[in-house]
Amino acid sequence: MPVIKSISDLRNRANEIARLCHKEDRPVFITRNGQSDLVVMSQAHYDRLQAQLELYWKLDEAETQATRGAKGIGHREMMRRLRARLP
């Protein structure tokens, strides 16, 4: 179930809401005049969401390339390239 707080709660209990975002590791939805207005989340949660979006974008790009007939590289070649980048 989502955590929903009012804008006045955000103003008066910001520290409590911040603790809740970190403890529950999920966003808190903020309402203004009974309507959804903002979403507050921890930086760690936001970073994970951004990483997921980037991964989905890359997967979509790879799928589009595969549909167009683009050839990828094999596992051995990929591992060789990755190892070459290591110090």
C-alpha atoms as a PDB file:
ATOM      1  CA  MET A   1       0.000   0.000   0.000  1.00  0.00           C
ATOM      2  CA  PRO A   2       1.445   3.407  -0.904  1.00  0.00           C
ATOM      3  CA  VAL A   3       2.455   5.906   1.760  1.00  0.00           C
ATOM      4  CA  ILE A   4       0.483   9.123   1.300  1.00  0.00           C
ATOM      5  CA  LYS A   5       1.062  12.318   3.262  1.00  0.00           C
ATOM      6  CA  SER A   6      -0.211  15.866   2.915  1.00  0.00           C
ATOM      7  CA  ILE A   7       1.930  18.829   1.936  1.00  0.00           C
ATOM      8  CA  SER A   8       1.503  20.164   5.477  1.00  0.00           C
ATOM      9  CA  ASP A   9       2.983  16.902   6.816  1.00  0.00           C
ATOM     10  CA  LEU A  10       5.966  17.438   4.530  1.00  0.00           C
ATOM     11  CA  ARG A  11       6.379  20.964   5.855  1.00  0.00           C
ATOM     12  CA  ASN A  12       5.895  20.061   9.524  1.00  0.00           C
ATOM     13  CA  ARG A  13       7.413  16.565   9.607  1.00  0.00           C
ATOM     14  CA  ALA A  14      10.113  16.542   6.934  1.00  0.00           C
ATOM     15  CA  ASN A  15      12.548  14.551   9.087  1.00  0.00           C
ATOM     16  CA  GLU A  16       9.920  11.906   9.811  1.00  0.00           C
ATOM     17  CA  ILE A  17       9.080  11.571   6.125  1.00  0.00           C
ATOM     18  CA  ALA A  18      12.782  11.332   5.234  1.00  0.00           C
ATOM     19  CA  ARG A  19      13.247   8.547   7.793  1.00  0.00           C
ATOM     20  CA  LEU A  20      10.197   6.776   6.377  1.00  0.00           C
ATOM     21  CA  CYS A  21      11.582   6.979   2.826  1.00  0.00           C
ATOM     22  CA  HIS A  22      14.871   5.432   3.964  1.00  0.00           C
ATOM     23  CA  LYS A  23      13.369   2.843   6.339  1.00  0.00           C
ATOM     24  CA  GLU A  24      10.644   1.618   3.989  1.00  0.00           C
ATOM     25  CA  ASP A  25      12.811   2.127   0.881  1.00  0.00           C
ATOM     26  CA  ARG A  26       9.875   3.351  -1.132  1.00  0.00           C
ATOM     27  CA  PRO A  27       8.470   6.691  -2.217  1.00  0.00           C
ATOM     28  CA  VAL A  28       6.056   8.816  -0.215  1.00  0.00           C
ATOM     29  CA  PHE A  29       3.275  10.463  -2.212  1.00  0.00           C
ATOM     30  CA  ILE A  30       2.486  14.039  -1.203  1.00  0.00           C
ATOM     31  CA  THR A  31      -0.941  15.552  -1.723  1.00  0.00           C
ATOM     32  CA  ARG A  32      -2.016  19.172  -1.954  1.00  0.00           C
ATOM     33  CA  ASN A  33      -5.696  19.971  -1.440  1.00  0.00           C
ATOM     34  CA  GLY A  34      -6.474  16.254  -1.644  1.00  0.00           C
ATOM     35  CA  GLN A  35      -4.832  15.847  -5.053  1.00  0.00           C
ATOM     36  CA  SER A  36      -1.582  14.060  -5.872  1.00  0.00           C
ATOM     37  CA  ASP A  37       1.201  16.635  -6.199  1.00  0.00           C
ATOM     38  CA  LEU A  38       4.704  15.318  -5.392  1.00  0.00           C
ATOM     39  CA  VAL A  39       6.659  12.137  -4.822  1.00  0.00           C
ATOM     40  CA  VAL A  40       9.479  12.097  -2.246  1.00  0.00           C
ATOM     41  CA  MET A  41      12.037   9.279  -2.153  1.00  0.00           C
ATOM     42  CA  SER A  42      15.527   8.552  -0.928  1.00  0.00           C
ATOM     43  CA  GLN A  43      18.476   9.227  -3.205  1.00  0.00           C
ATOM     44  CA  ALA A  44      19.308   5.488  -3.195  1.00  0.00           C
ATOM     45  CA  HIS A  45      15.797   4.622  -4.374  1.00  0.00           C
ATOM     46  CA  TYR A  46      15.957   7.280  -7.081  1.00  0.00           C
ATOM     47  CA  ASP A  47      19.373   6.030  -8.261  1.00  0.00           C
ATOM     48  CA  ARG A  48      18.007   2.474  -8.572  1.00  0.00           C
ATOM     49  CA  LEU A  49      15.043   3.720 -10.603  1.00  0.00           C
ATOM     50  CA  GLN A  50      17.371   5.632 -12.921  1.00  0.00           C
ATOM     51  CA  ALA A  51      19.576   2.545 -13.353  1.00  0.00           C
ATOM     52  CA  GLN A  52      16.503   0.447 -14.202  1.00  0.00           C
ATOM     53  CA  LEU A  53      15.365   2.998 -16.772  1.00  0.00           C
ATOM     54  CA  GLU A  54      18.807   3.035 -18.379  1.00  0.00           C
ATOM     55  CA  LEU A  55      18.851  -0.770 -18.499  1.00  0.00           C
ATOM     56  CA  TYR A  56      15.380  -0.885 -20.077  1.00  0.00           C
ATOM     57  CA  TRP A  57      16.444   1.720 -22.643  1.00  0.00           C
ATOM     58  CA  LYS A  58      19.535  -0.310 -23.540  1.00  0.00           C
ATOM     59  CA  LEU A  59      17.513  -3.538 -23.787  1.00  0.00           C
ATOM     60  CA  ASP A  60      15.011  -1.813 -26.053  1.00  0.00           C
ATOM     61  CA  GLU A  61      17.824  -0.486 -28.220  1.00  0.00           C
ATOM     62  CA  ALA A  62      19.400  -3.964 -28.473  1.00  0.00           C
ATOM     63  CA  GLU A  63      16.032  -5.519 -29.329  1.00  0.00           C
ATOM     64  CA  THR A  64      15.485  -2.929 -32.066  1.00  0.00           C
ATOM     65  CA  GLN A  65      18.938  -3.618 -33.493  1.00  0.00           C
ATOM     66  CA  ALA A  66      18.321  -7.386 -33.428  1.00  0.00           C
ATOM     67  CA  THR A  67      14.991  -6.923 -35.204  1.00  0.00           C
ATOM     68  CA  ARG A  68      16.795  -4.982 -37.942  1.00  0.00           C
ATOM     69  CA  GLY A  69      19.219  -7.877 -38.362  1.00  0.00           C
ATOM     70  CA  ALA A  70      22.234  -6.432 -36.588  1.00  0.00           C
ATOM     71  CA  LYS A  71      24.687  -9.084 -35.444  1.00  0.00           C
ATOM     72  CA  GLY A  72      25.970  -8.945 -31.895  1.00  0.00           C
ATOM     73  CA  ILE A  73      29.227 -10.264 -30.567  1.00  0.00           C
ATOM     74  CA  GLY A  74      29.725 -13.636 -28.936  1.00  0.00           C
ATOM     75  CA  HIS A  75      30.318 -14.287 -25.263  1.00  0.00           C
ATOM     76  CA  ARG A  76      34.027 -15.058 -25.701  1.00  0.00           C
ATOM     77  CA  GLU A  77      34.654 -11.852 -27.645  1.00  0.00           C
ATOM     78  CA  MET A  78      32.740  -9.813 -25.074  1.00  0.00           C
ATOM     79  CA  MET A  79      34.740 -11.344 -22.222  1.00  0.00           C
ATOM     80  CA  ARG A  80      37.995 -10.649 -24.092  1.00  0.00           C
ATOM     81  CA  ARG A  81      37.002  -6.979 -24.492  1.00  0.00           C
ATOM     82  CA  LEU A  82      36.007  -6.653 -20.850  1.00  0.00           C
ATOM     83  CA  ARG A  83      39.226  -8.232 -19.620  1.00  0.00           C
ATOM     84  CA  ALA A  84      41.235  -5.907 -21.840  1.00  0.00           C
ATOM     85  CA  ARG A  85      39.688  -2.958 -19.973  1.00  0.00           C
ATOM     86  CA  LEU A  86      40.715  -4.229 -16.539  1.00  0.00           C
ATOM     87  CA  PRO A  87      43.909  -2.774 -15.017  1.00  0.00           C
END
